[in-house]
Amino acid sequence: MPVPGSSPGTSPGAGRRASPVRRSTLRQQIADALCDEVIAGRLPAGRQFTVKEMADQYGVSATPVREALIDLCAQGLLDVEEHRGFRVHEFTLDDFRAMVQARSLISEGMFQHYAERVLSEMSPEALASVRRRAEEAERAARLGDLDILIGYDMRFWRELVGLVGNPYVSDFLQRLRVQSWVFTVPFLRRVPDLTGRLWARHRELTDAVTRADAAEAERIIAAYNAHSLALIEELATGAAPA
């Protein structure tokens, strides 16, 4: 996923100077760029850095960088280290299990509650956008293309949940999804070939939501959460797949 001043396989501060970030909405641009770096694993868990390091990296002043880093701390992606700067938060397998459980609890009943509204208020443009995200995410998942999948999967879920939930639920689920990717990406990158191993039922879920079939949508999401947990537990513990 392209971010200002980054390239695949490198991380901020690795002996290169980033291209200057545009001055408009600087705080959000920097936060988004660093979030993408963390999700992709280019800024790995446990990595320490200072405000000055990031300000120099992106060619901007310290103030918007500090504000962006504080925003990422609020999202649970960074930790503040007194007199040292910041550190990328290190999630554990138990954290991931709790994330999946939280996703499951929130999803239960969500589609049932909003099913009728989805049918009555969903615009053709919004549905077409979700379908495009679903197709691209599913294609990347089936091919095992992790870098492409991350971007489309994040957009797919954000738009889909936006159709069937309220903004508070959407924001919370988006935060959980970011944290889930942060934890899982390092394990997934260790797999030589991810073809056929990643969840790829995005279009099927979109169809269920379009029909306002809450029961089917809930079943698909439950299967998705179970798949995610089983795969990462296998990779994290070295257990043989079930």
Protein backbone atom coordinates (compact mmCIF):
# COMPACT_ATOMS: atom_id res chain seq x y z
CA MET A 1 0.00 0.00 0.00
CA PRO A 2 1.59 3.28 -1.03
CA VAL A 3 2.32 5.74 1.75
CA PRO A 4 4.11 9.07 1.60
CA GLY A 5 7.85 8.49 1.55
CA SER A 6 7.77 4.69 1.81
CA SER A 7 8.50 1.77 -0.43
CA PRO A 8 7.94 -1.98 -0.02
CA GLY A 9 10.45 -3.70 2.20
CA THR A 10 11.71 -0.55 3.90
CA SER A 11 10.82 1.24 7.10
CA PRO A 12 11.07 4.86 8.24
CA GLY A 13 14.58 5.85 9.21
CA ALA A 14 16.32 3.18 7.12
CA GLY A 15 18.90 5.51 5.55
CA ARG A 16 16.61 7.30 3.14
CA ARG A 17 14.74 10.58 3.02
CA ALA A 18 10.99 10.53 2.46
CA SER A 19 9.28 12.69 -0.11
CA PRO A 20 7.70 15.73 1.57
CA VAL A 21 4.09 15.25 2.64
CA ARG A 22 1.58 17.77 1.29
CA ARG A 23 0.78 20.43 3.87
CA SER A 24 -3.03 20.07 3.78
CA THR A 25 -4.45 17.89 6.59
CA LEU A 26 -0.88 17.11 7.53
CA ARG A 27 -1.73 15.47 10.84
CA GLN A 28 -4.11 12.98 9.22
CA GLN A 29 -1.79 12.28 6.31
CA ILE A 30 1.07 11.41 8.64
CA ALA A 31 -1.19 9.30 10.86
CA ASP A 32 -2.49 7.41 7.83
CA ALA A 33 1.00 6.91 6.44
CA LEU A 34 2.38 5.56 9.70
CA CYS A 35 -0.71 3.40 10.24
CA ASP A 36 -0.14 1.82 6.82
CA GLU A 37 3.52 1.22 7.70
CA VAL A 38 2.54 -0.52 10.93
CA ILE A 39 -0.18 -2.66 9.30
CA ALA A 40 2.13 -3.75 6.48
CA GLY A 41 4.83 -4.69 8.97
CA ARG A 42 7.35 -2.22 7.61
CA LEU A 43 7.28 -0.52 11.00
CA PRO A 44 7.35 -3.69 13.13
CA ALA A 45 6.10 -4.37 16.64
CA GLY A 46 8.53 -3.13 19.26
CA ARG A 47 10.16 -0.59 16.94
CA GLN A 48 11.18 2.57 18.81
CA PHE A 49 11.38 6.03 17.27
CA THR A 50 11.21 9.70 18.17
CA VAL A 51 9.13 12.60 16.94
CA LYS A 52 12.25 14.16 15.44
CA GLU A 53 13.07 10.98 13.52
CA MET A 54 9.63 10.92 11.92
CA ALA A 55 9.59 14.67 11.31
CA ASP A 56 12.93 14.40 9.49
CA GLN A 57 11.67 11.35 7.61
CA TYR A 58 8.62 13.11 6.21
CA GLY A 59 10.22 16.53 5.88
CA VAL A 60 7.74 18.33 8.15
CA SER A 61 7.75 20.09 11.50
CA ALA A 62 7.48 18.23 14.78
CA THR A 63 4.01 19.47 15.75
CA PRO A 64 1.84 17.56 13.21
CA VAL A 65 4.01 14.47 13.69
CA ARG A 66 3.53 14.56 17.45
CA GLU A 67 -0.23 15.02 17.00
CA ALA A 68 -0.38 12.11 14.55
CA LEU A 69 1.58 9.85 16.90
CA ILE A 70 -0.75 10.70 19.77
CA ASP A 71 -3.69 9.80 17.53
CA LEU A 72 -2.13 6.40 16.83
CA CYS A 73 -1.56 5.90 20.56
CA ALA A 74 -5.29 6.49 21.08
CA GLN A 75 -5.95 3.77 18.49
CA GLY A 76 -3.79 1.33 20.43
CA LEU A 77 -1.10 1.06 17.75
CA LEU A 78 1.68 2.94 19.57
CA ASP A 79 2.88 3.24 23.15
CA VAL A 80 4.47 6.33 24.67
CA GLU A 81 7.88 5.70 26.25
CA GLU A 82 8.80 8.42 28.69
CA HIS A 83 11.97 10.28 27.67
CA ARG A 84 12.41 7.89 24.71
CA GLY A 85 9.61 8.65 22.28
CA PHE A 86 7.25 6.02 20.93
CA ARG A 87 7.17 2.29 20.39
CA VAL A 88 4.97 0.21 18.09
CA HIS A 89 2.61 -1.73 20.35
CA GLU A 90 3.25 -5.47 20.63
CA PHE A 91 0.00 -7.44 20.54
CA THR A 92 -0.12 -11.01 21.85
CA LEU A 93 -2.01 -14.08 20.72
CA ASP A 94 -4.37 -13.59 23.65
CA ASP A 95 -4.95 -10.03 22.44
CA PHE A 96 -5.85 -11.38 19.01
CA ARG A 97 -8.23 -13.94 20.49
CA ALA A 98 -9.94 -11.11 22.37
CA MET A 99 -10.15 -9.04 19.16
CA VAL A 100 -11.85 -11.88 17.31
CA GLN A 101 -14.22 -12.44 20.23
CA ALA A 102 -15.11 -8.74 20.27
CA ARG A 103 -15.72 -8.77 16.52
CA SER A 104 -17.99 -11.77 16.92
CA LEU A 105 -19.99 -10.26 19.77
CA ILE A 106 -20.56 -7.01 17.91
CA SER A 107 -21.47 -8.75 14.67
CA GLU A 108 -24.10 -10.91 16.35
CA GLY A 109 -27.42 -9.23 15.73
CA MET A 110 -25.92 -6.25 13.90
CA PHE A 111 -27.15 -7.36 10.49
CA GLN A 112 -30.47 -8.45 11.94
CA HIS A 113 -30.99 -5.03 13.49
CA TYR A 114 -30.16 -3.09 10.34
CA ALA A 115 -31.39 -5.48 7.64
CA GLU A 116 -34.54 -3.58 6.76
CA ARG A 117 -32.77 -0.24 6.69
CA VAL A 118 -30.12 -1.61 4.38
CA LEU A 119 -32.75 -2.60 1.83
CA SER A 120 -34.59 0.70 2.03
CA GLU A 121 -31.63 3.09 2.14
CA MET A 122 -28.78 1.41 0.25
CA SER A 123 -27.92 3.46 -2.80
CA PRO A 124 -26.87 1.75 -6.05
CA GLU A 125 -23.61 3.71 -5.94
CA ALA A 126 -22.76 2.53 -2.40
CA LEU A 127 -23.59 -1.06 -3.25
CA ALA A 128 -21.53 -0.92 -6.45
CA SER A 129 -18.55 0.40 -4.48
CA VAL A 130 -18.83 -2.39 -1.90
CA ARG A 131 -19.03 -4.97 -4.69
CA ARG A 132 -15.89 -3.60 -6.33
CA ARG A 133 -14.03 -3.80 -3.03
CA ALA A 134 -15.36 -7.33 -2.49
CA GLU A 135 -14.22 -8.51 -5.92
CA GLU A 136 -10.73 -7.05 -5.55
CA ALA A 137 -10.29 -8.31 -1.98
CA GLU A 138 -11.50 -11.78 -2.90
CA ARG A 139 -9.21 -11.95 -5.92
CA ALA A 140 -6.19 -10.91 -3.84
CA ALA A 141 -7.10 -13.39 -1.09
CA ARG A 142 -7.43 -16.30 -3.52
CA LEU A 143 -4.06 -15.42 -5.08
CA GLY A 144 -2.44 -15.05 -1.67
CA ASP A 145 -1.39 -11.46 -2.47
CA LEU A 146 -1.20 -10.08 1.05
CA ASP A 147 -0.16 -6.51 0.23
CA ILE A 148 -3.04 -6.03 -2.20
CA LEU A 149 -5.48 -7.81 0.09
CA ILE A 150 -4.82 -5.60 3.11
CA GLY A 151 -5.87 -2.42 1.35
CA TYR A 152 -8.99 -3.79 -0.34
CA ASP A 153 -10.05 -5.83 2.69
CA MET A 154 -9.88 -2.79 4.94
CA ARG A 155 -11.92 -0.71 2.50
CA PHE A 156 -14.42 -3.52 1.96
CA TRP A 157 -15.21 -3.93 5.65
CA ARG A 158 -15.31 -0.19 6.29
CA GLU A 159 -17.83 0.37 3.51
CA LEU A 160 -19.86 -2.76 4.25
CA VAL A 161 -20.22 -2.02 7.96
CA GLY A 162 -20.98 1.57 7.03
CA LEU A 163 -24.07 0.27 5.21
CA VAL A 164 -25.40 -1.80 8.07
CA GLY A 165 -24.23 -0.13 11.27
CA ASN A 166 -23.96 3.20 13.05
CA PRO A 167 -20.78 5.29 12.94
CA TYR A 168 -19.73 4.32 16.47
CA VAL A 169 -19.93 0.62 15.66
CA SER A 170 -18.16 1.23 12.35
CA ASP A 171 -15.29 3.12 13.99
CA PHE A 172 -14.85 0.49 16.69
CA LEU A 173 -14.85 -2.41 14.24
CA GLN A 174 -12.41 -0.56 12.00
CA ARG A 175 -10.05 -0.12 14.93
CA LEU A 176 -10.29 -3.83 15.74
CA ARG A 177 -9.61 -4.71 12.13
CA VAL A 178 -6.49 -2.52 12.01
CA GLN A 179 -5.19 -4.08 15.21
CA SER A 180 -5.96 -7.57 13.89
CA TRP A 181 -3.93 -6.95 10.73
CA VAL A 182 -1.05 -5.50 12.76
CA PHE A 183 -0.82 -8.73 14.75
CA THR A 184 -1.42 -11.20 11.92
CA VAL A 185 0.68 -9.76 9.09
CA PRO A 186 4.09 -10.83 10.52
CA PHE A 187 2.85 -14.43 10.81
CA LEU A 188 1.32 -14.42 7.33
CA ARG A 189 4.54 -13.08 5.78
CA ARG A 190 6.38 -16.15 7.03
CA VAL A 191 4.22 -18.40 4.84
CA PRO A 192 5.95 -18.98 1.46
CA ASP A 193 2.68 -19.38 -0.41
CA LEU A 194 -0.65 -18.06 0.88
CA THR A 195 -2.63 -19.19 -2.15
CA GLY A 196 -5.91 -20.65 -0.96
CA ARG A 197 -5.18 -20.04 2.72
CA LEU A 198 -6.80 -16.64 3.20
CA TRP A 199 -10.50 -15.99 3.73
CA ALA A 200 -12.14 -15.19 0.39
CA ARG A 201 -15.93 -14.95 0.74
CA HIS A 202 -16.28 -11.19 0.33
CA ARG A 203 -18.72 -11.36 -2.57
CA GLU A 204 -20.82 -14.02 -0.86
CA LEU A 205 -21.17 -11.79 2.18
CA THR A 206 -22.03 -8.79 0.00
CA ASP A 207 -24.79 -10.83 -1.65
CA ALA A 208 -26.23 -11.81 1.73
CA VAL A 209 -26.28 -8.18 2.88
CA THR A 210 -27.87 -7.09 -0.39
CA ARG A 211 -30.68 -9.62 0.17
CA ALA A 212 -30.95 -8.47 3.79
CA ASP A 213 -30.37 -12.10 4.72
CA ALA A 214 -29.18 -11.43 8.25
CA ALA A 215 -28.91 -15.09 9.23
CA GLU A 216 -26.68 -15.93 6.27
CA ALA A 217 -24.54 -12.80 6.79
CA GLU A 218 -24.02 -13.76 10.42
CA ARG A 219 -23.07 -17.33 9.44
CA ILE A 220 -20.51 -16.09 6.91
CA ILE A 221 -18.97 -13.66 9.40
CA ALA A 222 -18.86 -16.36 12.09
CA ALA A 223 -17.02 -18.62 9.63
CA TYR A 224 -14.66 -15.76 8.78
CA ASN A 225 -13.79 -15.16 12.44
CA ALA A 226 -13.30 -18.88 13.05
CA HIS A 227 -11.06 -19.16 9.97
CA SER A 228 -8.94 -16.18 11.06
CA LEU A 229 -8.48 -17.51 14.56
CA ALA A 230 -7.65 -21.06 13.45
CA LEU A 231 -5.11 -19.91 10.85
CA ILE A 232 -3.26 -17.52 13.14
CA GLU A 233 -3.25 -19.92 16.08
CA GLU A 234 -1.73 -22.53 13.75
CA LEU A 235 0.96 -20.13 12.56
CA ALA A 236 1.64 -18.63 15.99
CA THR A 237 1.87 -21.90 17.90
CA GLY A 238 3.21 -24.16 15.18
CA ALA A 239 0.26 -26.50 15.64
CA ALA A 240 -0.79 -28.72 12.77
CA PRO A 241 -3.89 -27.47 10.92
CA ALA A 242 -7.15 -29.10 11.94
